[in-house]
PDB file of N, CA and C in Angstrom:
ATOM      1  N   MET A   1      -7.930  14.729 -12.267  1.00  0.00           N
ATOM      2  CA  MET A   1      -7.519  13.387 -12.577  1.00  0.00           C
ATOM      3  C   MET A   1      -6.535  13.431 -13.713  1.00  0.00           C
ATOM      4  N   THR A   2      -5.443  12.784 -13.656  1.00  0.00           N
ATOM      5  CA  THR A   2      -4.440  12.772 -14.673  1.00  0.00           C
ATOM      6  C   THR A   2      -4.311  11.387 -15.291  1.00  0.00           C
ATOM      7  N   VAL A   3      -4.508  11.240 -16.625  1.00  0.00           N
ATOM      8  CA  VAL A   3      -4.270   9.998 -17.323  1.00  0.00           C
ATOM      9  C   VAL A   3      -2.847  10.062 -17.876  1.00  0.00           C
ATOM     10  N   ARG A   4      -2.066   9.068 -17.531  1.00  0.00           N
ATOM     11  CA  ARG A   4      -0.655   9.053 -18.009  1.00  0.00           C
ATOM     12  C   ARG A   4      -0.478   8.327 -19.318  1.00  0.00           C
ATOM     13  N   ARG A   5      -1.265   7.258 -19.499  1.00  0.00           N
ATOM     14  CA  ARG A   5      -1.196   6.536 -20.770  1.00  0.00           C
ATOM     15  C   ARG A   5      -2.349   5.601 -20.900  1.00  0.00           C
ATOM     16  N   ILE A   6      -2.611   5.134 -22.125  1.00  0.00           N
ATOM     17  CA  ILE A   6      -3.651   4.167 -22.392  1.00  0.00           C
ATOM     18  C   ILE A   6      -3.022   3.081 -23.216  1.00  0.00           C
ATOM     19  N   VAL A   7      -3.270   1.796 -22.824  1.00  0.00           N
ATOM     20  CA  VAL A   7      -2.672   0.693 -23.479  1.00  0.00           C
ATOM     21  C   VAL A   7      -3.699  -0.290 -23.950  1.00  0.00           C
ATOM     22  N   PRO A   8      -3.834  -0.582 -25.247  1.00  0.00           N
ATOM     23  CA  PRO A   8      -4.737  -1.603 -25.640  1.00  0.00           C
ATOM     24  C   PRO A   8      -4.209  -2.978 -25.263  1.00  0.00           C
ATOM     25  N   ASN A   9      -5.111  -3.850 -24.810  1.00  0.00           N
ATOM     26  CA  ASN A   9      -4.706  -5.197 -24.417  1.00  0.00           C
ATOM     27  C   ASN A   9      -5.337  -6.169 -25.440  1.00  0.00           C
ATOM     28  N   ILE A  10      -4.477  -7.061 -25.915  1.00  0.00           N
ATOM     29  CA  ILE A  10      -4.912  -8.027 -26.950  1.00  0.00           C
ATOM     30  C   ILE A  10      -4.780  -9.437 -26.361  1.00  0.00           C
ATOM     31  N   HIS A  11      -5.937 -10.136 -26.300  1.00  0.00           N
ATOM     32  CA  HIS A  11      -5.957 -11.441 -25.768  1.00  0.00           C
ATOM     33  C   HIS A  11      -5.596 -12.420 -26.935  1.00  0.00           C
ATOM     34  N   VAL A  12      -4.440 -13.114 -26.766  1.00  0.00           N
ATOM     35  CA  VAL A  12      -3.913 -14.038 -27.784  1.00  0.00           C
ATOM     36  C   VAL A  12      -4.099 -15.437 -27.183  1.00  0.00           C
ATOM     37  N   GLU A  13      -5.028 -16.202 -27.715  1.00  0.00           N
ATOM     38  CA  GLU A  13      -5.394 -17.510 -27.113  1.00  0.00           C
ATOM     39  C   GLU A  13      -4.476 -18.638 -27.477  1.00  0.00           C
ATOM     40  N   ALA A  14      -3.938 -18.605 -28.679  1.00  0.00           N
ATOM     41  CA  ALA A  14      -3.091 -19.762 -29.112  1.00  0.00           C
ATOM     42  C   ALA A  14      -1.633 -19.370 -29.010  1.00  0.00           C
ATOM     43  N   GLU A  15      -0.773 -20.270 -28.527  1.00  0.00           N
ATOM     44  CA  GLU A  15       0.660 -19.988 -28.377  1.00  0.00           C
ATOM     45  C   GLU A  15       1.299 -19.596 -29.691  1.00  0.00           C
ATOM     46  N   GLU A  16       0.907 -20.257 -30.808  1.00  0.00           N
ATOM     47  CA  GLU A  16       1.539 -19.904 -32.086  1.00  0.00           C
ATOM     48  C   GLU A  16       1.155 -18.484 -32.519  1.00  0.00           C
ATOM     49  N   LEU A  17       0.012 -17.989 -32.104  1.00  0.00           N
ATOM     50  CA  LEU A  17      -0.365 -16.621 -32.428  1.00  0.00           C
ATOM     51  C   LEU A  17       0.411 -15.615 -31.482  1.00  0.00           C
ATOM     52  N   TRP A  18       0.811 -16.053 -30.369  1.00  0.00           N
ATOM     53  CA  TRP A  18       1.588 -15.205 -29.438  1.00  0.00           C
ATOM     54  C   TRP A  18       2.876 -14.705 -30.166  1.00  0.00           C
ATOM     55  N   ASN A  19       3.713 -15.635 -30.655  1.00  0.00           N
ATOM     56  CA  ASN A  19       4.939 -15.255 -31.344  1.00  0.00           C
ATOM     57  C   ASN A  19       4.609 -14.497 -32.639  1.00  0.00           C
ATOM     58  N   THR A  20       3.670 -14.985 -33.415  1.00  0.00           N
ATOM     59  CA  THR A  20       3.299 -14.251 -34.664  1.00  0.00           C
ATOM     60  C   THR A  20       2.828 -12.827 -34.360  1.00  0.00           C
ATOM     61  N   SER A  21       2.049 -12.630 -33.322  1.00  0.00           N
ATOM     62  CA  SER A  21       1.574 -11.301 -32.971  1.00  0.00           C
ATOM     63  C   SER A  21       2.724 -10.415 -32.515  1.00  0.00           C
ATOM     64  N   ARG A  22       3.580 -10.939 -31.659  1.00  0.00           N
ATOM     65  CA  ARG A  22       4.747 -10.210 -31.204  1.00  0.00           C
ATOM     66  C   ARG A  22       5.639  -9.773 -32.337  1.00  0.00           C
ATOM     67  N   ASP A  23       5.872 -10.695 -33.298  1.00  0.00           N
ATOM     68  CA  ASP A  23       6.649 -10.390 -34.461  1.00  0.00           C
ATOM     69  C   ASP A  23       6.011  -9.330 -35.330  1.00  0.00           C
ATOM     70  N   PHE A  24       4.693  -9.491 -35.511  1.00  0.00           N
ATOM     71  CA  PHE A  24       3.958  -8.488 -36.328  1.00  0.00           C
ATOM     72  C   PHE A  24       4.111  -7.066 -35.782  1.00  0.00           C
ATOM     73  N   TYR A  25       3.855  -6.914 -34.464  1.00  0.00           N
ATOM     74  CA  TYR A  25       3.959  -5.584 -33.844  1.00  0.00           C
ATOM     75  C   TYR A  25       5.411  -5.079 -33.859  1.00  0.00           C
ATOM     76  N   GLY A  26       6.373  -5.969 -33.911  1.00  0.00           N
ATOM     77  CA  GLY A  26       7.786  -5.600 -34.139  1.00  0.00           C
ATOM     78  C   GLY A  26       8.002  -4.966 -35.446  1.00  0.00           C
ATOM     79  N   LEU A  27       7.254  -5.470 -36.480  1.00  0.00           N
ATOM     80  CA  LEU A  27       7.347  -4.834 -37.805  1.00  0.00           C
ATOM     81  C   LEU A  27       6.880  -3.359 -37.806  1.00  0.00           C
ATOM     82  N   LEU A  28       5.985  -3.086 -36.891  1.00  0.00           N
ATOM     83  CA  LEU A  28       5.460  -1.729 -36.739  1.00  0.00           C
ATOM     84  C   LEU A  28       6.324  -0.801 -35.901  1.00  0.00           C
ATOM     85  N   GLY A  29       7.455  -1.364 -35.352  1.00  0.00           N
ATOM     86  CA  GLY A  29       8.344  -0.591 -34.598  1.00  0.00           C
ATOM     87  C   GLY A  29       8.309  -0.775 -33.095  1.00  0.00           C
ATOM     88  N   PHE A  30       7.481  -1.683 -32.636  1.00  0.00           N
ATOM     89  CA  PHE A  30       7.385  -1.956 -31.182  1.00  0.00           C
ATOM     90  C   PHE A  30       8.469  -2.896 -30.744  1.00  0.00           C
ATOM     91  N   GLU A  31       8.983  -2.685 -29.530  1.00  0.00           N
ATOM     92  CA  GLU A  31      10.014  -3.579 -28.950  1.00  0.00           C
ATOM     93  C   GLU A  31       9.491  -4.025 -27.562  1.00  0.00           C
ATOM     94  N   GLU A  32       9.884  -5.175 -27.182  1.00  0.00           N
ATOM     95  CA  GLU A  32       9.434  -5.746 -25.877  1.00  0.00           C
ATOM     96  C   GLU A  32      10.068  -4.969 -24.724  1.00  0.00           C
ATOM     97  N   VAL A  33       9.271  -4.528 -23.769  1.00  0.00           N
ATOM     98  CA  VAL A  33       9.708  -3.810 -22.569  1.00  0.00           C
ATOM     99  C   VAL A  33       9.391  -4.567 -21.325  1.00  0.00           C
ATOM    100  N   MET A  34       8.470  -5.569 -21.395  1.00  0.00           N
ATOM    101  CA  MET A  34       8.129  -6.349 -20.212  1.00  0.00           C
ATOM    102  C   MET A  34       7.590  -7.725 -20.704  1.00  0.00           C
ATOM    103  N   ASP A  35       8.085  -8.787 -20.103  1.00  0.00           N
ATOM    104  CA  ASP A  35       7.520 -10.129 -20.393  1.00  0.00           C
ATOM    105  C   ASP A  35       7.388 -10.920 -19.096  1.00  0.00           C
ATOM    106  N   MET A  36       6.158 -11.156 -18.718  1.00  0.00           N
ATOM    107  CA  MET A  36       5.894 -11.886 -17.474  1.00  0.00           C
ATOM    108  C   MET A  36       5.418 -13.321 -17.792  1.00  0.00           C
ATOM    109  N   GLY A  37       5.561 -13.777 -19.038  1.00  0.00           N
ATOM    110  CA  GLY A  37       5.151 -15.118 -19.416  1.00  0.00           C
ATOM    111  C   GLY A  37       3.729 -15.150 -19.895  1.00  0.00           C
ATOM    112  N   TRP A  38       2.846 -14.507 -19.192  1.00  0.00           N
ATOM    113  CA  TRP A  38       1.427 -14.496 -19.587  1.00  0.00           C
ATOM    114  C   TRP A  38       0.971 -13.115 -20.097  1.00  0.00           C
ATOM    115  N   VAL A  39       1.793 -12.081 -19.970  1.00  0.00           N
ATOM    116  CA  VAL A  39       1.573 -10.814 -20.561  1.00  0.00           C
ATOM    117  C   VAL A  39       2.929 -10.232 -20.983  1.00  0.00           C
ATOM    118  N   THR A  40       2.893  -9.705 -22.203  1.00  0.00           N
ATOM    119  CA  THR A  40       4.119  -9.065 -22.745  1.00  0.00           C
ATOM    120  C   THR A  40       3.653  -7.689 -23.170  1.00  0.00           C
ATOM    121  N   THR A  41       4.452  -6.645 -22.781  1.00  0.00           N
ATOM    122  CA  THR A  41       4.173  -5.277 -23.214  1.00  0.00           C
ATOM    123  C   THR A  41       5.253  -4.878 -24.180  1.00  0.00           C
ATOM    124  N   LEU A  42       4.767  -4.300 -25.308  1.00  0.00           N
ATOM    125  CA  LEU A  42       5.648  -3.829 -26.357  1.00  0.00           C
ATOM    126  C   LEU A  42       5.495  -2.281 -26.403  1.00  0.00           C
ATOM    127  N   ALA A  43       6.569  -1.566 -26.657  1.00  0.00           N
ATOM    128  CA  ALA A  43       6.512  -0.097 -26.692  1.00  0.00           C
ATOM    129  C   ALA A  43       7.335   0.396 -27.811  1.00  0.00           C
ATOM    130  N   SER A  44       7.065   1.628 -28.196  1.00  0.00           N
ATOM    131  CA  SER A  44       7.804   2.348 -29.193  1.00  0.00           C
ATOM    132  C   SER A  44       9.075   2.902 -28.556  1.00  0.00           C
ATOM    133  N   PRO A  45      10.256   2.576 -29.077  1.00  0.00           N
ATOM    134  CA  PRO A  45      11.500   3.191 -28.480  1.00  0.00           C
ATOM    135  C   PRO A  45      11.473   4.727 -28.537  1.00  0.00           C
ATOM    136  N   ALA A  46      10.886   5.296 -29.604  1.00  0.00           N
ATOM    137  CA  ALA A  46      10.866   6.721 -29.716  1.00  0.00           C
ATOM    138  C   ALA A  46       9.861   7.444 -28.847  1.00  0.00           C
ATOM    139  N   ASN A  47       8.791   6.668 -28.446  1.00  0.00           N
ATOM    140  CA  ASN A  47       7.757   7.222 -27.591  1.00  0.00           C
ATOM    141  C   ASN A  47       7.311   6.092 -26.616  1.00  0.00           C
ATOM    142  N   PRO A  48       8.015   5.909 -25.478  1.00  0.00           N
ATOM    143  CA  PRO A  48       7.781   4.791 -24.602  1.00  0.00           C
ATOM    144  C   PRO A  48       6.338   4.654 -24.022  1.00  0.00           C
ATOM    145  N   THR A  49       5.566   5.687 -24.105  1.00  0.00           N
ATOM    146  CA  THR A  49       4.216   5.583 -23.644  1.00  0.00           C
ATOM    147  C   THR A  49       3.274   5.042 -24.679  1.00  0.00           C
ATOM    148  N   ALA A  50       3.741   4.915 -25.932  1.00  0.00           N
ATOM    149  CA  ALA A  50       2.955   4.250 -27.013  1.00  0.00           C
ATOM    150  C   ALA A  50       3.207   2.744 -26.871  1.00  0.00           C
ATOM    151  N   GLN A  51       2.243   2.053 -26.304  1.00  0.00           N
ATOM    152  CA  GLN A  51       2.408   0.643 -25.941  1.00  0.00           C
ATOM    153  C   GLN A  51       1.223  -0.196 -26.406  1.00  0.00           C
ATOM    154  N   ILE A  52       1.428  -1.536 -26.405  1.00  0.00           N
ATOM    155  CA  ILE A  52       0.398  -2.493 -26.611  1.00  0.00           C
ATOM    156  C   ILE A  52       0.832  -3.692 -25.735  1.00  0.00           C
ATOM    157  N   SER A  53      -0.170  -4.358 -25.155  1.00  0.00           N
ATOM    158  CA  SER A  53       0.044  -5.526 -24.394  1.00  0.00           C
ATOM    159  C   SER A  53      -0.587  -6.758 -24.955  1.00  0.00           C
ATOM    160  N   LEU A  54       0.129  -7.909 -24.952  1.00  0.00           N
ATOM    161  CA  LEU A  54      -0.418  -9.142 -25.462  1.00  0.00           C
ATOM    162  C   LEU A  54      -0.555 -10.092 -24.257  1.00  0.00           C
ATOM    163  N   PHE A  55      -1.776 -10.609 -24.086  1.00  0.00           N
ATOM    164  CA  PHE A  55      -2.104 -11.451 -22.921  1.00  0.00           C
ATOM    165  C   PHE A  55      -2.447 -12.854 -23.421  1.00  0.00           C
ATOM    166  N   THR A  56      -1.906 -13.879 -22.774  1.00  0.00           N
ATOM    167  CA  THR A  56      -2.421 -15.272 -23.001  1.00  0.00           C
ATOM    168  C   THR A  56      -3.522 -15.560 -21.961  1.00  0.00           C
ATOM    169  N   GLU A  57      -3.433 -14.898 -20.857  1.00  0.00           N
ATOM    170  CA  GLU A  57      -4.389 -15.072 -19.763  1.00  0.00           C
ATOM    171  C   GLU A  57      -4.214 -13.901 -18.787  1.00  0.00           C
ATOM    172  N   GLU A  58      -5.084 -13.794 -17.801  1.00  0.00           N
ATOM    173  CA  GLU A  58      -4.900 -12.824 -16.740  1.00  0.00           C
ATOM    174  C   GLU A  58      -4.773 -13.617 -15.446  1.00  0.00           C
ATOM    175  N   ARG A  59      -3.629 -13.606 -14.803  1.00  0.00           N
ATOM    176  CA  ARG A  59      -3.357 -14.509 -13.681  1.00  0.00           C
ATOM    177  C   ARG A  59      -3.884 -14.000 -12.358  1.00  0.00           C
ATOM    178  N   THR A  60      -4.184 -12.722 -12.212  1.00  0.00           N
ATOM    179  CA  THR A  60      -4.628 -12.196 -10.902  1.00  0.00           C
ATOM    180  C   THR A  60      -6.024 -11.605 -10.918  1.00  0.00           C
ATOM    181  N   ALA A  61      -6.743 -11.794 -12.000  1.00  0.00           N
ATOM    182  CA  ALA A  61      -8.093 -11.198 -12.119  1.00  0.00           C
ATOM    183  C   ALA A  61      -8.986 -12.149 -12.941  1.00  0.00           C
ATOM    184  N   PRO A  62     -10.259 -11.928 -12.869  1.00  0.00           N
ATOM    185  CA  PRO A  62     -11.200 -12.896 -13.488  1.00  0.00           C
ATOM    186  C   PRO A  62     -11.231 -12.824 -15.041  1.00  0.00           C
ATOM    187  N   VAL A  63     -10.783 -11.776 -15.638  1.00  0.00           N
ATOM    188  CA  VAL A  63     -10.818 -11.643 -17.122  1.00  0.00           C
ATOM    189  C   VAL A  63      -9.630 -10.843 -17.612  1.00  0.00           C
ATOM    190  N   VAL A  64      -9.303 -11.044 -18.910  1.00  0.00           N
ATOM    191  CA  VAL A  64      -8.280 -10.208 -19.552  1.00  0.00           C
ATOM    192  C   VAL A  64      -8.973  -8.864 -19.886  1.00  0.00           C
ATOM    193  N   PRO A  65      -8.461  -7.749 -19.406  1.00  0.00           N
ATOM    194  CA  PRO A  65      -9.088  -6.455 -19.659  1.00  0.00           C
ATOM    195  C   PRO A  65      -8.902  -6.070 -21.145  1.00  0.00           C
ATOM    196  N   ASP A  66      -9.830  -5.324 -21.629  1.00  0.00           N
ATOM    197  CA  ASP A  66      -9.768  -4.786 -23.013  1.00  0.00           C
ATOM    198  C   ASP A  66      -8.782  -3.644 -23.151  1.00  0.00           C
ATOM    199  N   LEU A  67      -8.564  -2.911 -22.088  1.00  0.00           N
ATOM    200  CA  LEU A  67      -7.813  -1.670 -22.130  1.00  0.00           C
ATOM    201  C   LEU A  67      -7.222  -1.441 -20.794  1.00  0.00           C
ATOM    202  N   SER A  68      -6.040  -0.848 -20.715  1.00  0.00           N
ATOM    203  CA  SER A  68      -5.426  -0.458 -19.464  1.00  0.00           C
ATOM    204  C   SER A  68      -5.256   1.068 -19.491  1.00  0.00           C
ATOM    205  N   VAL A  69      -5.672   1.703 -18.398  1.00  0.00           N
ATOM    206  CA  VAL A  69      -5.496   3.156 -18.255  1.00  0.00           C
ATOM    207  C   VAL A  69      -4.643   3.439 -17.037  1.00  0.00           C
ATOM    208  N   GLU A  70      -3.486   3.993 -17.231  1.00  0.00           N
ATOM    209  CA  GLU A  70      -2.661   4.389 -16.087  1.00  0.00           C
ATOM    210  C   GLU A  70      -3.017   5.826 -15.695  1.00  0.00           C
ATOM    211  N   VAL A  71      -3.327   5.950 -14.356  1.00  0.00           N
ATOM    212  CA  VAL A  71      -3.701   7.219 -13.835  1.00  0.00           C
ATOM    213  C   VAL A  71      -2.749   7.616 -12.753  1.00  0.00           C
ATOM    214  N   GLU A  72      -2.803   8.869 -12.332  1.00  0.00           N
ATOM    215  CA  GLU A  72      -1.944   9.362 -11.302  1.00  0.00           C
ATOM    216  C   GLU A  72      -2.330   8.805  -9.923  1.00  0.00           C
ATOM    217  N   ASP A  73      -3.615   8.760  -9.602  1.00  0.00           N
ATOM    218  CA  ASP A  73      -4.098   8.302  -8.312  1.00  0.00           C
ATOM    219  C   ASP A  73      -5.229   7.334  -8.432  1.00  0.00           C
ATOM    220  N   VAL A  74      -4.849   6.047  -8.475  1.00  0.00           N
ATOM    221  CA  VAL A  74      -5.856   4.954  -8.705  1.00  0.00           C
ATOM    222  C   VAL A  74      -6.953   4.910  -7.689  1.00  0.00           C
ATOM    223  N   ASP A  75      -6.613   5.232  -6.423  1.00  0.00           N
ATOM    224  CA  ASP A  75      -7.610   5.149  -5.362  1.00  0.00           C
ATOM    225  C   ASP A  75      -8.684   6.271  -5.550  1.00  0.00           C
ATOM    226  N   ALA A  76      -8.258   7.451  -5.973  1.00  0.00           N
ATOM    227  CA  ALA A  76      -9.206   8.523  -6.189  1.00  0.00           C
ATOM    228  C   ALA A  76     -10.098   8.223  -7.352  1.00  0.00           C
ATOM    229  N   VAL A  77      -9.547   7.568  -8.427  1.00  0.00           N
ATOM    230  CA  VAL A  77     -10.367   7.179  -9.581  1.00  0.00           C
ATOM    231  C   VAL A  77     -11.300   6.070  -9.185  1.00  0.00           C
ATOM    232  N   TYR A  78     -10.864   5.142  -8.333  1.00  0.00           N
ATOM    233  CA  TYR A  78     -11.727   4.053  -7.893  1.00  0.00           C
ATOM    234  C   TYR A  78     -12.956   4.655  -7.135  1.00  0.00           C
ATOM    235  N   ALA A  79     -12.663   5.575  -6.239  1.00  0.00           N
ATOM    236  CA  ALA A  79     -13.736   6.192  -5.455  1.00  0.00           C
ATOM    237  C   ALA A  79     -14.801   6.873  -6.404  1.00  0.00           C
ATOM    238  N   ARG A  80     -14.327   7.589  -7.389  1.00  0.00           N
ATOM    239  CA  ARG A  80     -15.244   8.203  -8.298  1.00  0.00           C
ATOM    240  C   ARG A  80     -16.057   7.194  -9.098  1.00  0.00           C
ATOM    241  N   VAL A  81     -15.389   6.187  -9.599  1.00  0.00           N
ATOM    242  CA  VAL A  81     -16.050   5.169 -10.437  1.00  0.00           C
ATOM    243  C   VAL A  81     -17.086   4.362  -9.582  1.00  0.00           C
ATOM    244  N   ALA A  82     -16.656   3.968  -8.403  1.00  0.00           N
ATOM    245  CA  ALA A  82     -17.541   3.190  -7.519  1.00  0.00           C
ATOM    246  C   ALA A  82     -18.767   3.982  -7.125  1.00  0.00           C
ATOM    247  N   ALA A  83     -18.542   5.285  -6.839  1.00  0.00           N
ATOM    248  CA  ALA A  83     -19.675   6.210  -6.498  1.00  0.00           C
ATOM    249  C   ALA A  83     -20.651   6.384  -7.630  1.00  0.00           C
ATOM    250  N   SER A  84     -20.175   6.204  -8.860  1.00  0.00           N
ATOM    251  CA  SER A  84     -21.063   6.337 -10.015  1.00  0.00           C
ATOM    252  C   SER A  84     -22.012   5.145 -10.180  1.00  0.00           C
ATOM    253  N   GLY A  85     -21.717   4.074  -9.528  1.00  0.00           N
ATOM    254  CA  GLY A  85     -22.532   2.879  -9.648  1.00  0.00           C
ATOM    255  C   GLY A  85     -22.030   1.911 -10.720  1.00  0.00           C
ATOM    256  N   ALA A  86     -20.893   2.213 -11.350  1.00  0.00           N
ATOM    257  CA  ALA A  86     -20.298   1.339 -12.398  1.00  0.00           C
ATOM    258  C   ALA A  86     -19.983  -0.041 -11.735  1.00  0.00           C
ATOM    259  N   GLU A  87     -20.023  -1.078 -12.577  1.00  0.00           N
ATOM    260  CA  GLU A  87     -19.715  -2.409 -12.068  1.00  0.00           C
ATOM    261  C   GLU A  87     -18.241  -2.592 -11.839  1.00  0.00           C
ATOM    262  N   ILE A  88     -17.825  -2.845 -10.614  1.00  0.00           N
ATOM    263  CA  ILE A  88     -16.456  -3.105 -10.310  1.00  0.00           C
ATOM    264  C   ILE A  88     -16.226  -4.623 -10.513  1.00  0.00           C
ATOM    265  N   VAL A  89     -15.340  -4.945 -11.454  1.00  0.00           N
ATOM    266  CA  VAL A  89     -15.090  -6.335 -11.817  1.00  0.00           C
ATOM    267  C   VAL A  89     -14.053  -6.949 -10.860  1.00  0.00           C
ATOM    268  N   ARG A  90     -13.156  -6.166 -10.379  1.00  0.00           N
ATOM    269  CA  ARG A  90     -12.142  -6.550  -9.418  1.00  0.00           C
ATOM    270  C   ARG A  90     -11.734  -5.389  -8.561  1.00  0.00           C
ATOM    271  N   GLU A  91     -11.758  -5.570  -7.268  1.00  0.00           N
ATOM    272  CA  GLU A  91     -11.470  -4.491  -6.304  1.00  0.00           C
ATOM    273  C   GLU A  91      -9.977  -4.121  -6.406  1.00  0.00           C
ATOM    274  N   PRO A  92      -9.607  -2.923  -5.958  1.00  0.00           N
ATOM    275  CA  PRO A  92      -8.203  -2.479  -5.968  1.00  0.00           C
ATOM    276  C   PRO A  92      -7.284  -3.442  -5.213  1.00  0.00           C
ATOM    277  N   ARG A  93      -6.151  -3.666  -5.788  1.00  0.00           N
ATOM    278  CA  ARG A  93      -5.157  -4.585  -5.198  1.00  0.00           C
ATOM    279  C   ARG A  93      -3.736  -4.149  -5.635  1.00  0.00           C
ATOM    280  N   ASP A  94      -2.801  -4.294  -4.741  1.00  0.00           N
ATOM    281  CA  ASP A  94      -1.414  -4.086  -5.080  1.00  0.00           C
ATOM    282  C   ASP A  94      -0.867  -5.396  -5.669  1.00  0.00           C
ATOM    283  N   GLU A  95      -0.206  -5.277  -6.808  1.00  0.00           N
ATOM    284  CA  GLU A  95       0.355  -6.472  -7.473  1.00  0.00           C
ATOM    285  C   GLU A  95       1.847  -6.548  -7.229  1.00  0.00           C
ATOM    286  N   GLU A  96       2.371  -7.730  -7.277  1.00  0.00           N
ATOM    287  CA  GLU A  96       3.789  -7.965  -6.982  1.00  0.00           C
ATOM    288  C   GLU A  96       4.723  -7.287  -7.958  1.00  0.00           C
ATOM    289  N   TRP A  97       4.249  -6.912  -9.135  1.00  0.00           N
ATOM    290  CA  TRP A  97       5.104  -6.345 -10.136  1.00  0.00           C
ATOM    291  C   TRP A  97       5.081  -4.753 -10.094  1.00  0.00           C
ATOM    292  N   GLY A  98       4.541  -4.219  -8.964  1.00  0.00           N
ATOM    293  CA  GLY A  98       4.715  -2.783  -8.739  1.00  0.00           C
ATOM    294  C   GLY A  98       3.551  -1.883  -9.199  1.00  0.00           C
ATOM    295  N   VAL A  99       2.366  -2.447  -9.332  1.00  0.00           N
ATOM    296  CA  VAL A  99       1.208  -1.547  -9.695  1.00  0.00           C
ATOM    297  C   VAL A  99       0.084  -1.774  -8.651  1.00  0.00           C
ATOM    298  N   ARG A 100      -0.729  -0.806  -8.521  1.00  0.00           N
ATOM    299  CA  ARG A 100      -2.057  -0.961  -7.760  1.00  0.00           C
ATOM    300  C   ARG A 100      -3.063  -0.745  -8.873  1.00  0.00           C
ATOM    301  N   ARG A 101      -4.081  -1.659  -8.875  1.00  0.00           N
ATOM    302  CA  ARG A 101      -5.048  -1.602  -9.954  1.00  0.00           C
ATOM    303  C   ARG A 101      -6.372  -2.183  -9.538  1.00  0.00           C
ATOM    304  N   PHE A 102      -7.421  -1.804 -10.323  1.00  0.00           N
ATOM    305  CA  PHE A 102      -8.774  -2.347 -10.217  1.00  0.00           C
ATOM    306  C   PHE A 102      -9.329  -2.452 -11.600  1.00  0.00           C
ATOM    307  N   PHE A 103     -10.350  -3.305 -11.797  1.00  0.00           N
ATOM    308  CA  PHE A 103     -11.019  -3.437 -13.083  1.00  0.00           C
ATOM    309  C   PHE A 103     -12.480  -2.975 -12.930  1.00  0.00           C
ATOM    310  N   VAL A 104     -12.922  -2.270 -13.956  1.00  0.00           N
ATOM    311  CA  VAL A 104     -14.273  -1.757 -13.964  1.00  0.00           C
ATOM    312  C   VAL A 104     -14.854  -2.033 -15.374  1.00  0.00           C
ATOM    313  N   ARG A 105     -16.181  -2.310 -15.426  1.00  0.00           N
ATOM    314  CA  ARG A 105     -16.841  -2.550 -16.693  1.00  0.00           C
ATOM    315  C   ARG A 105     -17.422  -1.237 -17.199  1.00  0.00           C
ATOM    316  N   ALA A 106     -17.051  -0.881 -18.444  1.00  0.00           N
ATOM    317  CA  ALA A 106     -17.562   0.390 -19.060  1.00  0.00           C
ATOM    318  C   ALA A 106     -18.998   0.110 -19.503  1.00  0.00           C
ATOM    319  N   PRO A 107     -19.765   1.136 -19.808  1.00  0.00           N
ATOM    320  CA  PRO A 107     -21.167   0.939 -20.283  1.00  0.00           C
ATOM    321  C   PRO A 107     -21.264   0.058 -21.520  1.00  0.00           C
ATOM    322  N   ASP A 108     -20.218   0.086 -22.337  1.00  0.00           N
ATOM    323  CA  ASP A 108     -20.258  -0.759 -23.545  1.00  0.00           C
ATOM    324  C   ASP A 108     -19.886  -2.228 -23.312  1.00  0.00           C
ATOM    325  N   GLY A 109     -19.645  -2.569 -22.071  1.00  0.00           N
ATOM    326  CA  GLY A 109     -19.309  -3.915 -21.704  1.00  0.00           C
ATOM    327  C   GLY A 109     -17.824  -4.268 -21.640  1.00  0.00           C
ATOM    328  N   ARG A 110     -17.016  -3.363 -22.082  1.00  0.00           N
ATOM    329  CA  ARG A 110     -15.550  -3.608 -22.049  1.00  0.00           C
ATOM    330  C   ARG A 110     -15.004  -3.493 -20.623  1.00  0.00           C
ATOM    331  N   VAL A 111     -14.009  -4.320 -20.343  1.00  0.00           N
ATOM    332  CA  VAL A 111     -13.423  -4.288 -18.988  1.00  0.00           C
ATOM    333  C   VAL A 111     -12.145  -3.411 -19.064  1.00  0.00           C
ATOM    334  N   ILE A 112     -12.079  -2.434 -18.186  1.00  0.00           N
ATOM    335  CA  ILE A 112     -10.955  -1.502 -18.122  1.00  0.00           C
ATOM    336  C   ILE A 112     -10.136  -1.788 -16.904  1.00  0.00           C
ATOM    337  N   ASN A 113      -8.823  -1.926 -17.103  1.00  0.00           N
ATOM    338  CA  ASN A 113      -7.815  -2.065 -16.041  1.00  0.00           C
ATOM    339  C   ASN A 113      -7.296  -0.682 -15.689  1.00  0.00           C
ATOM    340  N   VAL A 114      -7.664  -0.199 -14.514  1.00  0.00           N
ATOM    341  CA  VAL A 114      -7.207   1.164 -14.107  1.00  0.00           C
ATOM    342  C   VAL A 114      -6.086   0.936 -13.117  1.00  0.00           C
ATOM    343  N   LEU A 115      -4.888   1.575 -13.358  1.00  0.00           N
ATOM    344  CA  LEU A 115      -3.706   1.297 -12.542  1.00  0.00           C
ATOM    345  C   LEU A 115      -2.836   2.514 -12.286  1.00  0.00           C
ATOM    346  N   THR A 116      -2.010   2.375 -11.273  1.00  0.00           N
ATOM    347  CA  THR A 116      -1.003   3.323 -10.931  1.00  0.00           C
ATOM    348  C   THR A 116       0.309   2.536 -10.621  1.00  0.00           C
ATOM    349  N   HIS A 117       1.431   2.961 -11.158  1.00  0.00           N
ATOM    350  CA  HIS A 117       2.686   2.354 -10.779  1.00  0.00           C
ATOM    351  C   HIS A 117       3.130   2.865  -9.416  1.00  0.00           C
ATOM    352  N   HIS A 118       3.629   2.002  -8.577  1.00  0.00           N
ATOM    353  CA  HIS A 118       4.152   2.451  -7.295  1.00  0.00           C
ATOM    354  C   HIS A 118       5.453   3.196  -7.528  1.00  0.00           C
ATOM    355  N   SER A 119       5.706   4.215  -6.739  1.00  0.00           N
ATOM    356  CA  SER A 119       6.938   4.935  -6.840  1.00  0.00           C
ATOM    357  C   SER A 119       8.085   4.215  -6.224  1.00  0.00           C
TER     358      SER A 119
END
């Protein structure tokens, strides 16, 4: 199994905190690389896999995940995780923005978004 990157997801509930948070992470050197209105991803220009995502909500799943893990083969990871008995929060699905993903609850209660980008 290959992990390509890990992205912390921050749930920003108030609109005024959205802009303040984006500006703050800009001070740390992050730049916007994706904005879907409800989720914005910021990345380091020097290291594009160093990212953080700000969520106001999760539009296609029941919860905002705590962490996103991009893997090489999401279906293989799903099979391993499901066979382990872990709680699947959301079954695998292809999203319109070019990823296939599922959500699983870790033993500590955090929800993990496991995804692969379509080629």
